[in-house]
């Protein structure tokens, strides 16, 4: 759960530390060959996932006593219609969108968004010392954010792909045909395959009249 009203101490420095730990992976992704958009998305992907971890698993001052408790009421504080629910939706938009742009497969962003949200809620329920509460509406909000991020990335990919399919007029005008000289039929002999020579037309000699 994104604890908006209780405050998240050390959110910025936790995010910076996690991003710095993944910086070598981001730099190597940026230097790989390929298109610019997937490389930039792969470069920003560790920072997006680090933001999710810092915002959802950073310890708070609130303490919960029971292990494994998870709320299922959608009308509680922090539901889908509140500011906290909107922040839970927006939190997963960059991570799912960047993953979709980096991999080129929308299914990766959807699976990663839902799976990461479920894992976060499970950790919050199993470790009450974090001061986080597991809620069903958080999983729904995070999944909606992942779907929104994947939708935005898929729209951007479709626009980019349509621009690539447009052919310039001079490419059509200067297209050339390759003419290959046909070969004669091959015939088999003992010990190998022999290519029959192509008959060459004979030139008739015309005698000059004297």
C-alpha atoms as a PDB file:
ATOM      1  CA  UNK A   1       0.000   0.000   0.000  1.00  0.00           C
ATOM      2  CA  UNK A   2       1.285   3.463  -0.867  1.00  0.00           C
ATOM      3  CA  UNK A   3       1.133   5.183   2.530  1.00  0.00           C
ATOM      4  CA  UNK A   4       0.308   8.706   1.360  1.00  0.00           C
ATOM      5  CA  UNK A   5      -1.292  10.060   4.505  1.00  0.00           C
ATOM      6  CA  UNK A   6       1.138   8.513   6.994  1.00  0.00           C
ATOM      7  CA  UNK A   7       4.263   9.744   5.276  1.00  0.00           C
ATOM      8  CA  UNK A   8       7.141   7.716   3.850  1.00  0.00           C
ATOM      9  CA  UNK A   9      10.445   8.618   5.497  1.00  0.00           C
ATOM     10  CA  UNK A  10      13.578   8.404   3.388  1.00  0.00           C
ATOM     11  CA  UNK A  11      11.614   7.813   0.188  1.00  0.00           C
ATOM     12  CA  UNK A  12      13.907   9.890  -2.014  1.00  0.00           C
ATOM     13  CA  UNK A  13      17.195   8.521  -0.714  1.00  0.00           C
ATOM     14  CA  UNK A  14      15.863   4.942  -0.868  1.00  0.00           C
ATOM     15  CA  UNK A  15      14.887   5.460  -4.486  1.00  0.00           C
ATOM     16  CA  UNK A  16      18.284   6.990  -5.301  1.00  0.00           C
ATOM     17  CA  UNK A  17      20.145   4.112  -3.652  1.00  0.00           C
ATOM     18  CA  UNK A  18      18.130   1.471  -5.501  1.00  0.00           C
ATOM     19  CA  UNK A  19      18.544   3.339  -8.781  1.00  0.00           C
ATOM     20  CA  UNK A  20      22.283   3.659  -8.221  1.00  0.00           C
ATOM     21  CA  UNK A  21      22.576  -0.074  -7.579  1.00  0.00           C
ATOM     22  CA  UNK A  22      20.968  -0.775 -10.958  1.00  0.00           C
ATOM     23  CA  UNK A  23      22.878   1.951 -12.810  1.00  0.00           C
ATOM     24  CA  UNK A  24      25.440  -0.447 -14.436  1.00  0.00           C
ATOM     25  CA  UNK A  25      22.568  -2.466 -15.893  1.00  0.00           C
ATOM     26  CA  UNK A  26      20.944   0.704 -17.206  1.00  0.00           C
ATOM     27  CA  UNK A  27      24.173   1.905 -18.835  1.00  0.00           C
ATOM     28  CA  UNK A  28      24.780  -1.462 -20.492  1.00  0.00           C
ATOM     29  CA  UNK A  29      21.220  -1.412 -21.845  1.00  0.00           C
ATOM     30  CA  UNK A  30      21.783   2.038 -23.295  1.00  0.00           C
ATOM     31  CA  UNK A  31      24.974   0.960 -25.068  1.00  0.00           C
ATOM     32  CA  UNK A  32      23.525  -2.119 -26.719  1.00  0.00           C
ATOM     33  CA  UNK A  33      22.851  -1.985 -30.483  1.00  0.00           C
ATOM     34  CA  UNK A  34      19.334  -1.371 -31.681  1.00  0.00           C
ATOM     35  CA  UNK A  35      16.741   1.347 -31.958  1.00  0.00           C
ATOM     36  CA  UNK A  36      16.934   4.401 -29.754  1.00  0.00           C
ATOM     37  CA  UNK A  37      13.479   4.141 -28.141  1.00  0.00           C
ATOM     38  CA  UNK A  38      13.928   0.592 -26.715  1.00  0.00           C
ATOM     39  CA  UNK A  39      17.397   1.499 -25.461  1.00  0.00           C
ATOM     40  CA  UNK A  40      16.138   4.614 -23.680  1.00  0.00           C
ATOM     41  CA  UNK A  41      13.266   2.617 -22.190  1.00  0.00           C
ATOM     42  CA  UNK A  42      15.668  -0.047 -20.941  1.00  0.00           C
ATOM     43  CA  UNK A  43      17.862   2.701 -19.470  1.00  0.00           C
ATOM     44  CA  UNK A  44      14.927   4.210 -17.512  1.00  0.00           C
ATOM     45  CA  UNK A  45      13.453   0.834 -16.520  1.00  0.00           C
ATOM     46  CA  UNK A  46      15.561   0.278 -13.344  1.00  0.00           C
ATOM     47  CA  UNK A  47      14.641   3.730 -12.019  1.00  0.00           C
ATOM     48  CA  UNK A  48      10.926   3.026 -12.611  1.00  0.00           C
ATOM     49  CA  UNK A  49      11.052  -0.288 -10.740  1.00  0.00           C
ATOM     50  CA  UNK A  50      13.156   1.272  -7.980  1.00  0.00           C
ATOM     51  CA  UNK A  51      10.449   3.907  -7.513  1.00  0.00           C
ATOM     52  CA  UNK A  52       7.834   1.177  -7.063  1.00  0.00           C
ATOM     53  CA  UNK A  53       9.933  -0.635  -4.464  1.00  0.00           C
ATOM     54  CA  UNK A  54      10.809   2.555  -2.584  1.00  0.00           C
ATOM     55  CA  UNK A  55       7.201   3.769  -2.495  1.00  0.00           C
ATOM     56  CA  UNK A  56       5.653   0.462  -1.442  1.00  0.00           C
ATOM     57  CA  UNK A  57       8.229  -1.265   0.769  1.00  0.00           C
ATOM     58  CA  UNK A  58       9.928   1.592   2.624  1.00  0.00           C
ATOM     59  CA  UNK A  59       9.281   1.242   6.399  1.00  0.00           C
ATOM     60  CA  UNK A  60       6.862   3.661   8.030  1.00  0.00           C
ATOM     61  CA  UNK A  61       6.268   4.682  11.624  1.00  0.00           C
ATOM     62  CA  UNK A  62       3.007   2.760  11.779  1.00  0.00           C
ATOM     63  CA  UNK A  63       3.180  -0.788  13.134  1.00  0.00           C
ATOM     64  CA  UNK A  64       0.783  -3.619  12.385  1.00  0.00           C
ATOM     65  CA  UNK A  65       0.459  -6.512  14.804  1.00  0.00           C
ATOM     66  CA  UNK A  66      -0.992  -9.397  12.811  1.00  0.00           C
ATOM     67  CA  UNK A  67       0.910 -11.341  10.152  1.00  0.00           C
ATOM     68  CA  UNK A  68      -0.817 -12.361   6.937  1.00  0.00           C
ATOM     69  CA  UNK A  69      -3.765  -9.969   7.208  1.00  0.00           C
ATOM     70  CA  UNK A  70      -5.009  -8.461   3.935  1.00  0.00           C
ATOM     71  CA  UNK A  71      -8.047  -6.232   3.526  1.00  0.00           C
ATOM     72  CA  UNK A  72     -10.604  -6.963   0.834  1.00  0.00           C
ATOM     73  CA  UNK A  73     -12.984  -3.995   1.219  1.00  0.00           C
ATOM     74  CA  UNK A  74     -12.944  -1.643  -1.758  1.00  0.00           C
ATOM     75  CA  UNK A  75     -14.665   1.184   0.140  1.00  0.00           C
ATOM     76  CA  UNK A  76     -11.978   1.701   2.792  1.00  0.00           C
ATOM     77  CA  UNK A  77      -9.652   4.699   2.959  1.00  0.00           C
ATOM     78  CA  UNK A  78      -7.258   4.644   0.059  1.00  0.00           C
ATOM     79  CA  UNK A  79      -9.724   3.043  -2.326  1.00  0.00           C
ATOM     80  CA  UNK A  80      -9.819   3.487  -6.076  1.00  0.00           C
ATOM     81  CA  UNK A  81     -11.741   6.779  -5.861  1.00  0.00           C
ATOM     82  CA  UNK A  82      -9.331   8.507  -3.460  1.00  0.00           C
ATOM     83  CA  UNK A  83      -6.072  10.353  -4.010  1.00  0.00           C
ATOM     84  CA  UNK A  84      -4.131   7.400  -2.666  1.00  0.00           C
ATOM     85  CA  UNK A  85      -5.831   5.085  -5.155  1.00  0.00           C
ATOM     86  CA  UNK A  86      -4.952   7.449  -8.014  1.00  0.00           C
ATOM     87  CA  UNK A  87      -1.323   7.479  -6.890  1.00  0.00           C
ATOM     88  CA  UNK A  88      -1.324   3.681  -6.794  1.00  0.00           C
ATOM     89  CA  UNK A  89      -2.512   3.687 -10.412  1.00  0.00           C
ATOM     90  CA  UNK A  90       0.087   6.220 -11.566  1.00  0.00           C
ATOM     91  CA  UNK A  91       2.892   4.424  -9.727  1.00  0.00           C
ATOM     92  CA  UNK A  92       2.846   1.432 -12.081  1.00  0.00           C
ATOM     93  CA  UNK A  93       2.403   3.349 -15.343  1.00  0.00           C
ATOM     94  CA  UNK A  94       6.126   4.134 -15.958  1.00  0.00           C
ATOM     95  CA  UNK A  95       7.391   0.649 -15.043  1.00  0.00           C
ATOM     96  CA  UNK A  96       4.917  -1.256 -17.243  1.00  0.00           C
ATOM     97  CA  UNK A  97       5.272   1.222 -20.108  1.00  0.00           C
ATOM     98  CA  UNK A  98       9.073   1.185 -20.077  1.00  0.00           C
ATOM     99  CA  UNK A  99       9.157  -2.604 -19.977  1.00  0.00           C
ATOM    100  CA  UNK A 100       6.791  -2.802 -22.941  1.00  0.00           C
ATOM    101  CA  UNK A 101       8.906  -0.370 -24.968  1.00  0.00           C
ATOM    102  CA  UNK A 102      12.130  -2.163 -24.045  1.00  0.00           C
ATOM    103  CA  UNK A 103      10.924  -5.685 -24.861  1.00  0.00           C
ATOM    104  CA  UNK A 104       8.433  -4.880 -27.606  1.00  0.00           C
ATOM    105  CA  UNK A 105       5.857  -7.263 -26.075  1.00  0.00           C
ATOM    106  CA  UNK A 106       2.809  -5.835 -24.235  1.00  0.00           C
ATOM    107  CA  UNK A 107       2.337  -9.095 -22.367  1.00  0.00           C
ATOM    108  CA  UNK A 108       5.606  -8.551 -20.507  1.00  0.00           C
ATOM    109  CA  UNK A 109       4.426  -5.239 -19.095  1.00  0.00           C
ATOM    110  CA  UNK A 110       1.045  -6.626 -18.001  1.00  0.00           C
ATOM    111  CA  UNK A 111       2.530  -9.742 -16.399  1.00  0.00           C
ATOM    112  CA  UNK A 112       5.289  -7.797 -14.656  1.00  0.00           C
ATOM    113  CA  UNK A 113       2.891  -5.151 -13.346  1.00  0.00           C
ATOM    114  CA  UNK A 114       0.360  -7.609 -11.909  1.00  0.00           C
ATOM    115  CA  UNK A 115       3.040  -9.955 -10.602  1.00  0.00           C
ATOM    116  CA  UNK A 116       5.033  -7.202  -8.930  1.00  0.00           C
ATOM    117  CA  UNK A 117       1.923  -5.733  -7.320  1.00  0.00           C
ATOM    118  CA  UNK A 118       0.918  -9.149  -5.950  1.00  0.00           C
ATOM    119  CA  UNK A 119       4.434  -9.700  -4.623  1.00  0.00           C
ATOM    120  CA  UNK A 120       4.451  -6.291  -2.926  1.00  0.00           C
ATOM    121  CA  UNK A 121       1.103  -6.928  -1.243  1.00  0.00           C
ATOM    122  CA  UNK A 122       2.315 -10.355  -0.082  1.00  0.00           C
ATOM    123  CA  UNK A 123       5.471  -8.856   1.450  1.00  0.00           C
ATOM    124  CA  UNK A 124       3.417  -6.157   3.178  1.00  0.00           C
ATOM    125  CA  UNK A 125       1.129  -8.809   4.663  1.00  0.00           C
ATOM    126  CA  UNK A 126       3.947 -11.113   5.792  1.00  0.00           C
ATOM    127  CA  UNK A 127       6.164  -8.381   7.286  1.00  0.00           C
ATOM    128  CA  UNK A 128       3.999  -6.150   9.490  1.00  0.00           C
ATOM    129  CA  UNK A 129       7.120  -4.420  10.807  1.00  0.00           C
ATOM    130  CA  UNK A 130       7.185  -2.405   7.582  1.00  0.00           C
ATOM    131  CA  UNK A 131       4.051  -0.575   8.670  1.00  0.00           C
ATOM    132  CA  UNK A 132       2.264  -1.410   5.423  1.00  0.00           C
ATOM    133  CA  UNK A 133      -1.218  -2.847   5.024  1.00  0.00           C
ATOM    134  CA  UNK A 134      -2.123  -5.356   2.339  1.00  0.00           C
ATOM    135  CA  UNK A 135      -5.281  -4.273   0.489  1.00  0.00           C
ATOM    136  CA  UNK A 136      -7.146  -5.746  -2.455  1.00  0.00           C
ATOM    137  CA  UNK A 137      -7.868  -2.338  -3.957  1.00  0.00           C
ATOM    138  CA  UNK A 138      -4.111  -1.681  -4.109  1.00  0.00           C
ATOM    139  CA  UNK A 139      -3.653  -4.736  -6.331  1.00  0.00           C
ATOM    140  CA  UNK A 140      -6.523  -3.592  -8.564  1.00  0.00           C
ATOM    141  CA  UNK A 141      -5.160  -0.037  -8.755  1.00  0.00           C
ATOM    142  CA  UNK A 142      -1.653  -1.235  -9.574  1.00  0.00           C
ATOM    143  CA  UNK A 143      -2.994  -3.571 -12.259  1.00  0.00           C
ATOM    144  CA  UNK A 144      -4.960  -0.708 -13.815  1.00  0.00           C
ATOM    145  CA  UNK A 145      -1.799   1.388 -13.831  1.00  0.00           C
ATOM    146  CA  UNK A 146       0.104  -1.402 -15.557  1.00  0.00           C
ATOM    147  CA  UNK A 147      -2.617  -1.688 -18.207  1.00  0.00           C
ATOM    148  CA  UNK A 148      -2.520   2.086 -18.779  1.00  0.00           C
ATOM    149  CA  UNK A 149       1.266   2.050 -19.142  1.00  0.00           C
ATOM    150  CA  UNK A 150       1.146  -0.858 -21.582  1.00  0.00           C
ATOM    151  CA  UNK A 151      -1.579   0.887 -23.585  1.00  0.00           C
ATOM    152  CA  UNK A 152       0.452   4.080 -23.890  1.00  0.00           C
ATOM    153  CA  UNK A 153       3.571   2.153 -24.900  1.00  0.00           C
ATOM    154  CA  UNK A 154       1.662   0.044 -27.441  1.00  0.00           C
ATOM    155  CA  UNK A 155       0.196   3.201 -28.993  1.00  0.00           C
ATOM    156  CA  UNK A 156       3.653   4.716 -29.289  1.00  0.00           C
ATOM    157  CA  UNK A 157       4.974   1.522 -30.886  1.00  0.00           C
ATOM    158  CA  UNK A 158       2.159   1.453 -33.430  1.00  0.00           C
ATOM    159  CA  UNK A 159       2.821   5.078 -34.426  1.00  0.00           C
ATOM    160  CA  UNK A 160       6.543   4.388 -34.820  1.00  0.00           C
ATOM    161  CA  UNK A 161       5.874   1.218 -36.824  1.00  0.00           C
ATOM    162  CA  UNK A 162       3.480   3.000 -39.199  1.00  0.00           C
ATOM    163  CA  UNK A 163       6.072   5.662 -39.925  1.00  0.00           C
ATOM    164  CA  UNK A 164       8.661   3.027 -40.773  1.00  0.00           C
ATOM    165  CA  UNK A 165       6.338   1.281 -43.228  1.00  0.00           C
ATOM    166  CA  UNK A 166       5.944   4.468 -45.315  1.00  0.00           C
ATOM    167  CA  UNK A 167       8.198   4.235 -48.368  1.00  0.00           C
ATOM    168  CA  UNK A 168       9.738   7.320 -49.906  1.00  0.00           C
ATOM    169  CA  UNK A 169       8.839   8.007 -53.568  1.00  0.00           C
ATOM    170  CA  UNK A 170      12.419   7.883 -54.744  1.00  0.00           C
ATOM    171  CA  UNK A 171      12.804   4.352 -53.363  1.00  0.00           C
ATOM    172  CA  UNK A 172      10.077   3.183 -55.725  1.00  0.00           C
ATOM    173  CA  UNK A 173      11.374   5.157 -58.688  1.00  0.00           C
ATOM    174  CA  UNK A 174      14.937   3.884 -58.340  1.00  0.00           C
ATOM    175  CA  UNK A 175      14.036   0.251 -57.724  1.00  0.00           C
ATOM    176  CA  UNK A 176      16.051  -2.137 -59.907  1.00  0.00           C
ATOM    177  CA  UNK A 177      15.420  -5.646 -61.114  1.00  0.00           C
ATOM    178  CA  UNK A 178      18.144  -8.246 -60.974  1.00  0.00           C
ATOM    179  CA  UNK A 179      18.281 -10.378 -64.121  1.00  0.00           C
ATOM    180  CA  UNK A 180      19.898 -13.744 -63.541  1.00  0.00           C
ATOM    181  CA  UNK A 181      21.141 -15.711 -66.517  1.00  0.00           C
ATOM    182  CA  UNK A 182      19.464 -19.138 -66.519  1.00  0.00           C
ATOM    183  CA  UNK A 183      21.640 -22.191 -66.250  1.00  0.00           C
ATOM    184  CA  UNK A 184      21.337 -25.246 -68.357  1.00  0.00           C
ATOM    185  CA  UNK A 185      19.893 -28.452 -66.969  1.00  0.00           C
ATOM    186  CA  UNK A 186      22.324 -30.675 -65.100  1.00  0.00           C
ATOM    187  CA  UNK A 187      22.879 -34.321 -65.972  1.00  0.00           C
ATOM    188  CA  UNK A 188      24.198 -37.094 -63.788  1.00  0.00           C
ATOM    189  CA  UNK A 189      27.279 -39.110 -64.427  1.00  0.00           C
ATOM    190  CA  UNK A 190      29.090 -41.674 -62.421  1.00  0.00           C
ATOM    191  CA  UNK A 191      31.126 -40.068 -59.670  1.00  0.00           C
ATOM    192  CA  UNK A 192      29.410 -36.712 -59.467  1.00  0.00           C
ATOM    193  CA  UNK A 193      27.095 -34.104 -60.864  1.00  0.00           C
ATOM    194  CA  UNK A 194      28.192 -32.481 -64.103  1.00  0.00           C
ATOM    195  CA  UNK A 195      26.767 -29.177 -65.229  1.00  0.00           C
ATOM    196  CA  UNK A 196      25.745 -29.176 -68.879  1.00  0.00           C
ATOM    197  CA  UNK A 197      27.335 -26.254 -70.671  1.00  0.00           C
ATOM    198  CA  UNK A 198      25.065 -23.559 -71.965  1.00  0.00           C
ATOM    199  CA  UNK A 199      25.034 -23.543 -75.741  1.00  0.00           C
ATOM    200  CA  UNK A 200      26.541 -20.424 -77.228  1.00  0.00           C
ATOM    201  CA  UNK A 201      24.994 -19.176 -80.459  1.00  0.00           C
ATOM    202  CA  UNK A 202      27.366 -19.293 -83.422  1.00  0.00           C
ATOM    203  CA  UNK A 203      28.086 -16.202 -85.429  1.00  0.00           C
ATOM    204  CA  UNK A 204      27.748 -16.601 -89.164  1.00  0.00           C
ATOM    205  CA  UNK A 205      30.583 -15.149 -91.210  1.00  0.00           C
ATOM    206  CA  UNK A 206      29.565 -13.173 -94.201  1.00  0.00           C
ATOM    207  CA  UNK A 207      32.048 -13.109 -97.084  1.00  0.00           C
ATOM    208  CA  UNK A 208      32.744  -9.714 -98.508  1.00  0.00           C
ATOM    209  CA  UNK A 209      31.806  -9.508-102.136  1.00  0.00           C
ATOM    210  CA  UNK A 210      34.653  -8.604-104.347  1.00  0.00           C
END
